[in-house]
Amino acid sequence: SKTNFVRALRSGHATATSTPLHTGR
């Protein structure tokens, strides 16, 4: 897992959206 943080979240919600890039065997 590789994460790049680009800004802080100081209120509200963090919404994550995941999409497949490769679906192999």
PDB file of all heavy atoms in Angstrom:
ATOM      1  N   SER A   1       0.846  -1.181   0.000  1.00  0.00           N
ATOM      2  CA  SER A   1       0.000   0.000   0.000  1.00  0.00           C
ATOM      3  C   SER A   1       0.885   1.236   0.000  1.00  0.00           C
ATOM      4  O   SER A   1       1.787   1.358   0.817  1.00  0.00           O
ATOM      5  CB  SER A   1      -0.908  -0.005   1.236  1.00  0.00           C
ATOM      6  OG  SER A   1      -1.836   1.054   1.170  1.00  0.00           O
ATOM      7  N   LYS A   2       0.620   2.148  -0.913  1.00  0.00           N
ATOM      8  CA  LYS A   2       1.403   3.378  -1.059  1.00  0.00           C
ATOM      9  C   LYS A   2       0.446   4.560  -0.928  1.00  0.00           C
ATOM     10  O   LYS A   2      -0.533   4.660  -1.648  1.00  0.00           O
ATOM     11  CB  LYS A   2       2.072   3.347  -2.423  1.00  0.00           C
ATOM     12  CG  LYS A   2       2.738   4.556  -3.029  1.00  0.00           C
ATOM     13  CD  LYS A   2       3.504   5.446  -2.401  1.00  0.00           C
ATOM     14  CE  LYS A   2       4.271   6.457  -3.169  1.00  0.00           C
ATOM     15  NZ  LYS A   2       3.896   7.771  -2.736  1.00  0.00           N
ATOM     16  N   THR A   3       0.731   5.433   0.035  1.00  0.00           N
ATOM     17  CA  THR A   3      -0.150   6.568   0.314  1.00  0.00           C
ATOM     18  C   THR A   3       0.583   7.889   0.110  1.00  0.00           C
ATOM     19  O   THR A   3       1.697   8.052   0.589  1.00  0.00           O
ATOM     20  CB  THR A   3      -0.659   6.517   1.769  1.00  0.00           C
ATOM     21  OG1 THR A   3      -1.292   5.254   1.994  1.00  0.00           O
ATOM     22  CG2 THR A   3      -1.629   7.639   2.056  1.00  0.00           C
ATOM     23  N   ASN A   4      -0.064   8.811  -0.581  1.00  0.00           N
ATOM     24  CA  ASN A   4       0.400  10.187  -0.681  1.00  0.00           C
ATOM     25  C   ASN A   4      -0.630  11.068   0.015  1.00  0.00           C
ATOM     26  O   ASN A   4      -1.797  11.104  -0.387  1.00  0.00           O
ATOM     27  CB  ASN A   4       0.526  10.646  -2.136  1.00  0.00           C
ATOM     28  CG  ASN A   4       1.726  10.073  -2.810  1.00  0.00           C
ATOM     29  OD1 ASN A   4       1.712   8.915  -3.205  1.00  0.00           O
ATOM     30  ND2 ASN A   4       2.751  10.871  -2.952  1.00  0.00           N
ATOM     31  N   PHE A   5      -0.208  11.756   1.079  1.00  0.00           N
ATOM     32  CA  PHE A   5      -1.076  12.720   1.755  1.00  0.00           C
ATOM     33  C   PHE A   5      -0.815  14.084   1.127  1.00  0.00           C
ATOM     34  O   PHE A   5       0.323  14.512   1.034  1.00  0.00           O
ATOM     35  CB  PHE A   5      -0.760  12.775   3.251  1.00  0.00           C
ATOM     36  CG  PHE A   5      -1.013  11.483   3.966  1.00  0.00           C
ATOM     37  CD1 PHE A   5       0.038  10.663   4.340  1.00  0.00           C
ATOM     38  CD2 PHE A   5      -2.306  11.074   4.255  1.00  0.00           C
ATOM     39  CE1 PHE A   5      -0.187   9.471   5.000  1.00  0.00           C
ATOM     40  CE2 PHE A   5      -2.546   9.880   4.910  1.00  0.00           C
ATOM     41  CZ  PHE A   5      -1.475   9.075   5.289  1.00  0.00           C
ATOM     42  N   VAL A   6      -1.878  14.769   0.714  1.00  0.00           N
ATOM     43  CA  VAL A   6      -1.685  16.055   0.040  1.00  0.00           C
ATOM     44  C   VAL A   6      -2.247  17.240   0.812  1.00  0.00           C
ATOM     45  O   VAL A   6      -1.900  18.379   0.516  1.00  0.00           O
ATOM     46  CB  VAL A   6      -2.231  16.027  -1.408  1.00  0.00           C
ATOM     47  CG1 VAL A   6      -1.440  15.047  -2.251  1.00  0.00           C
ATOM     48  CG2 VAL A   6      -3.704  15.691  -1.451  1.00  0.00           C
ATOM     49  N   ARG A   7      -3.118  16.966   1.797  1.00  0.00           N
ATOM     50  CA  ARG A   7      -3.601  18.051   2.648  1.00  0.00           C
ATOM     51  C   ARG A   7      -4.240  17.470   3.898  1.00  0.00           C
ATOM     52  O   ARG A   7      -4.629  16.313   3.919  1.00  0.00           O
ATOM     53  CB  ARG A   7      -4.560  18.985   1.921  1.00  0.00           C
ATOM     54  CG  ARG A   7      -5.949  18.445   1.684  1.00  0.00           C
ATOM     55  CD  ARG A   7      -6.835  19.416   0.891  1.00  0.00           C
ATOM     56  NE  ARG A   7      -7.133  20.629   1.604  1.00  0.00           N
ATOM     57  CZ  ARG A   7      -8.212  20.819   2.350  1.00  0.00           C
ATOM     58  NH1 ARG A   7      -9.101  19.868   2.483  1.00  0.00           N
ATOM     59  NH2 ARG A   7      -8.419  21.969   2.952  1.00  0.00           N
ATOM     60  N   ALA A   8      -4.338  18.307   4.918  1.00  0.00           N
ATOM     61  CA  ALA A   8      -4.933  17.880   6.182  1.00  0.00           C
ATOM     62  C   ALA A   8      -6.449  17.978   6.124  1.00  0.00           C
ATOM     63  O   ALA A   8      -7.004  18.793   5.390  1.00  0.00           O
ATOM     64  CB  ALA A   8      -4.414  18.757   7.319  1.00  0.00           C
ATOM     65  N   LEU A   9      -7.109  17.141   6.919  1.00  0.00           N
ATOM     66  CA  LEU A   9      -8.552  17.209   7.078  1.00  0.00           C
ATOM     67  C   LEU A   9      -8.836  17.555   8.530  1.00  0.00           C
ATOM     68  O   LEU A   9      -8.452  16.807   9.427  1.00  0.00           O
ATOM     69  CB  LEU A   9      -9.203  15.872   6.702  1.00  0.00           C
ATOM     70  CG  LEU A   9     -10.727  15.955   6.596  1.00  0.00           C
ATOM     71  CD1 LEU A   9     -11.207  15.254   5.354  1.00  0.00           C
ATOM     72  CD2 LEU A   9     -11.382  15.393   7.833  1.00  0.00           C
ATOM     73  N   ARG A  10      -9.460  18.720   8.761  1.00  0.00           N
ATOM     74  CA  ARG A  10      -9.671  19.214  10.122  1.00  0.00           C
ATOM     75  C   ARG A  10     -11.141  19.326  10.520  1.00  0.00           C
ATOM     76  O   ARG A  10     -11.452  19.807  11.603  1.00  0.00           O
ATOM     77  CB  ARG A  10      -8.988  20.571  10.285  1.00  0.00           C
ATOM     78  CG  ARG A  10      -7.471  20.458  10.244  1.00  0.00           C
ATOM     79  CD  ARG A  10      -6.795  21.779  10.580  1.00  0.00           C
ATOM     80  NE  ARG A  10      -5.361  21.607  10.619  1.00  0.00           N
ATOM     81  CZ  ARG A  10      -4.556  21.768   9.571  1.00  0.00           C
ATOM     82  NH1 ARG A  10      -5.053  22.112   8.403  1.00  0.00           N
ATOM     83  NH2 ARG A  10      -3.251  21.585   9.703  1.00  0.00           N
ATOM     84  N   SER A  11     -12.040  18.880   9.644  1.00  0.00           N
ATOM     85  CA  SER A  11     -13.472  18.886   9.960  1.00  0.00           C
ATOM     86  C   SER A  11     -14.206  18.078   8.898  1.00  0.00           C
ATOM     87  O   SER A  11     -13.644  17.729   7.862  1.00  0.00           O
ATOM     88  CB  SER A  11     -14.019  20.323   9.993  1.00  0.00           C
ATOM     89  OG  SER A  11     -13.934  20.906   8.710  1.00  0.00           O
ATOM     90  N   GLY A  12     -15.461  17.804   9.175  1.00  0.00           N
ATOM     91  CA  GLY A  12     -16.300  17.131   8.180  1.00  0.00           C
ATOM     92  C   GLY A  12     -16.008  15.646   8.047  1.00  0.00           C
ATOM     93  O   GLY A  12     -15.823  14.952   9.041  1.00  0.00           O
ATOM     94  N   HIS A  13     -15.962  15.203   6.805  1.00  0.00           N
ATOM     95  CA  HIS A  13     -15.778  13.789   6.506  1.00  0.00           C
ATOM     96  C   HIS A  13     -14.626  13.579   5.527  1.00  0.00           C
ATOM     97  O   HIS A  13     -14.361  14.428   4.686  1.00  0.00           O
ATOM     98  CB  HIS A  13     -17.034  13.206   5.848  1.00  0.00           C
ATOM     99  CG  HIS A  13     -18.214  13.175   6.742  1.00  0.00           C
ATOM    100  ND1 HIS A  13     -19.069  14.238   6.857  1.00  0.00           N
ATOM    101  CD2 HIS A  13     -18.676  12.217   7.574  1.00  0.00           C
ATOM    102  CE1 HIS A  13     -20.017  13.935   7.723  1.00  0.00           C
ATOM    103  NE2 HIS A  13     -19.802  12.714   8.175  1.00  0.00           N
ATOM    104  N   ALA A  14     -14.014  12.426   5.648  1.00  0.00           N
ATOM    105  CA  ALA A  14     -13.073  11.927   4.647  1.00  0.00           C
ATOM    106  C   ALA A  14     -13.842  10.878   3.853  1.00  0.00           C
ATOM    107  O   ALA A  14     -14.340   9.907   4.421  1.00  0.00           O
ATOM    108  CB  ALA A  14     -11.864  11.296   5.321  1.00  0.00           C
ATOM    109  N   THR A  15     -13.981  11.096   2.552  1.00  0.00           N
ATOM    110  CA  THR A  15     -14.697  10.148   1.699  1.00  0.00           C
ATOM    111  C   THR A  15     -13.712   9.445   0.793  1.00  0.00           C
ATOM    112  O   THR A  15     -12.975  10.085   0.042  1.00  0.00           O
ATOM    113  CB  THR A  15     -15.774  10.863   0.866  1.00  0.00           C
ATOM    114  OG1 THR A  15     -16.698  11.489   1.762  1.00  0.00           O
ATOM    115  CG2 THR A  15     -16.519   9.884  -0.030  1.00  0.00           C
ATOM    116  N   ALA A  16     -13.707   8.117   0.880  1.00  0.00           N
ATOM    117  CA  ALA A  16     -12.799   7.283   0.084  1.00  0.00           C
ATOM    118  C   ALA A  16     -13.561   6.683  -1.091  1.00  0.00           C
ATOM    119  O   ALA A  16     -14.665   6.163  -0.922  1.00  0.00           O
ATOM    120  CB  ALA A  16     -12.218   6.169   0.944  1.00  0.00           C
ATOM    121  N   THR A  17     -12.953   6.762  -2.276  1.00  0.00           N
ATOM    122  CA  THR A  17     -13.511   6.146  -3.479  1.00  0.00           C
ATOM    123  C   THR A  17     -12.459   5.226  -4.061  1.00  0.00           C
ATOM    124  O   THR A  17     -11.360   5.673  -4.418  1.00  0.00           O
ATOM    125  CB  THR A  17     -13.904   7.219  -4.514  1.00  0.00           C
ATOM    126  OG1 THR A  17     -14.834   8.119  -3.916  1.00  0.00           O
ATOM    127  CG2 THR A  17     -14.521   6.587  -5.754  1.00  0.00           C
ATOM    128  N   SER A  18     -12.775   3.924  -4.126  1.00  0.00           N
ATOM    129  CA  SER A  18     -11.839   2.918  -4.633  1.00  0.00           C
ATOM    130  C   SER A  18     -12.327   2.364  -5.963  1.00  0.00           C
ATOM    131  O   SER A  18     -13.514   2.047  -6.113  1.00  0.00           O
ATOM    132  CB  SER A  18     -11.698   1.760  -3.641  1.00  0.00           C
ATOM    133  OG  SER A  18     -11.093   2.176  -2.460  1.00  0.00           O
ATOM    134  N   THR A  19     -11.390   2.253  -6.908  1.00  0.00           N
ATOM    135  CA  THR A  19     -11.679   1.657  -8.217  1.00  0.00           C
ATOM    136  C   THR A  19     -10.574   0.668  -8.559  1.00  0.00           C
ATOM    137  O   THR A  19      -9.404   0.901  -8.249  1.00  0.00           O
ATOM    138  CB  THR A  19     -11.774   2.727  -9.321  1.00  0.00           C
ATOM    139  OG1 THR A  19     -10.550   3.477  -9.344  1.00  0.00           O
ATOM    140  CG2 THR A  19     -12.941   3.670  -9.098  1.00  0.00           C
ATOM    141  N   PRO A  20     -10.933  -0.436  -9.211  1.00  0.00           N
ATOM    142  CA  PRO A  20      -9.911  -1.412  -9.579  1.00  0.00           C
ATOM    143  C   PRO A  20      -9.088  -0.930 -10.769  1.00  0.00           C
ATOM    144  O   PRO A  20      -9.636  -0.414 -11.741  1.00  0.00           O
ATOM    145  CB  PRO A  20     -10.726  -2.657  -9.938  1.00  0.00           C
ATOM    146  CG  PRO A  20     -12.060  -2.132 -10.358  1.00  0.00           C
ATOM    147  CD  PRO A  20     -12.276  -0.860  -9.572  1.00  0.00           C
ATOM    148  N   LEU A  21      -7.764  -1.082 -10.663  1.00  0.00           N
ATOM    149  CA  LEU A  21      -6.877  -0.776 -11.786  1.00  0.00           C
ATOM    150  C   LEU A  21      -6.507  -2.041 -12.547  1.00  0.00           C
ATOM    151  O   LEU A  21      -6.275  -2.012 -13.755  1.00  0.00           O
ATOM    152  CB  LEU A  21      -5.595  -0.107 -11.286  1.00  0.00           C
ATOM    153  CG  LEU A  21      -5.728   1.269 -10.664  1.00  0.00           C
ATOM    154  CD1 LEU A  21      -4.369   1.768 -10.188  1.00  0.00           C
ATOM    155  CD2 LEU A  21      -6.335   2.248 -11.657  1.00  0.00           C
ATOM    156  N   HIS A  22      -6.418  -3.166 -11.818  1.00  0.00           N
ATOM    157  CA  HIS A  22      -6.055  -4.462 -12.415  1.00  0.00           C
ATOM    158  C   HIS A  22      -6.733  -5.560 -11.611  1.00  0.00           C
ATOM    159  O   HIS A  22      -6.629  -5.579 -10.382  1.00  0.00           O
ATOM    160  CB  HIS A  22      -4.533  -4.654 -12.383  1.00  0.00           C
ATOM    161  CG  HIS A  22      -4.103  -6.040 -12.750  1.00  0.00           C
ATOM    162  ND1 HIS A  22      -4.119  -6.505 -14.040  1.00  0.00           N
ATOM    163  CD2 HIS A  22      -3.672  -7.073 -11.977  1.00  0.00           C
ATOM    164  CE1 HIS A  22      -3.696  -7.766 -14.055  1.00  0.00           C
ATOM    165  NE2 HIS A  22      -3.423  -8.133 -12.813  1.00  0.00           N
ATOM    166  N   THR A  23      -7.433  -6.447 -12.284  1.00  0.00           N
ATOM    167  CA  THR A  23      -8.089  -7.567 -11.611  1.00  0.00           C
ATOM    168  C   THR A  23      -7.600  -8.862 -12.237  1.00  0.00           C
ATOM    169  O   THR A  23      -8.203  -9.380 -13.175  1.00  0.00           O
ATOM    170  CB  THR A  23      -9.624  -7.463 -11.688  1.00  0.00           C
ATOM    171  OG1 THR A  23     -10.019  -7.353 -13.061  1.00  0.00           O
ATOM    172  CG2 THR A  23     -10.132  -6.257 -10.924  1.00  0.00           C
ATOM    173  N   GLY A  24      -6.499  -9.372 -11.723  1.00  0.00           N
ATOM    174  CA  GLY A  24      -5.898 -10.586 -12.260  1.00  0.00           C
ATOM    175  C   GLY A  24      -6.217 -11.810 -11.427  1.00  0.00           C
ATOM    176  O   GLY A  24      -6.957 -11.749 -10.449  1.00  0.00           O
ATOM    177  N   ARG A  25      -5.614 -12.938 -11.807  1.00  0.00           N
ATOM    178  CA  ARG A  25      -5.833 -14.195 -11.091  1.00  0.00           C
ATOM    179  C   ARG A  25      -5.081 -14.245  -9.773  1.00  0.00           C
ATOM    180  O   ARG A  25      -5.501 -14.903  -8.832  1.00  0.00           O
ATOM    181  CB  ARG A  25      -5.411 -15.381 -11.958  1.00  0.00           C
ATOM    182  CG  ARG A  25      -6.339 -15.603 -13.146  1.00  0.00           C
ATOM    183  CD  ARG A  25      -5.857 -16.729 -14.020  1.00  0.00           C
ATOM    184  NE  ARG A  25      -4.625 -16.268 -14.669  1.00  0.00           N
ATOM    185  CZ  ARG A  25      -3.621 -17.041 -15.018  1.00  0.00           C
ATOM    186  NH1 ARG A  25      -3.662 -18.333 -14.781  1.00  0.00           N
ATOM    187  NH2 ARG A  25      -2.551 -16.542 -15.601  1.00  0.00           N
TER     188      ARG A  25
END
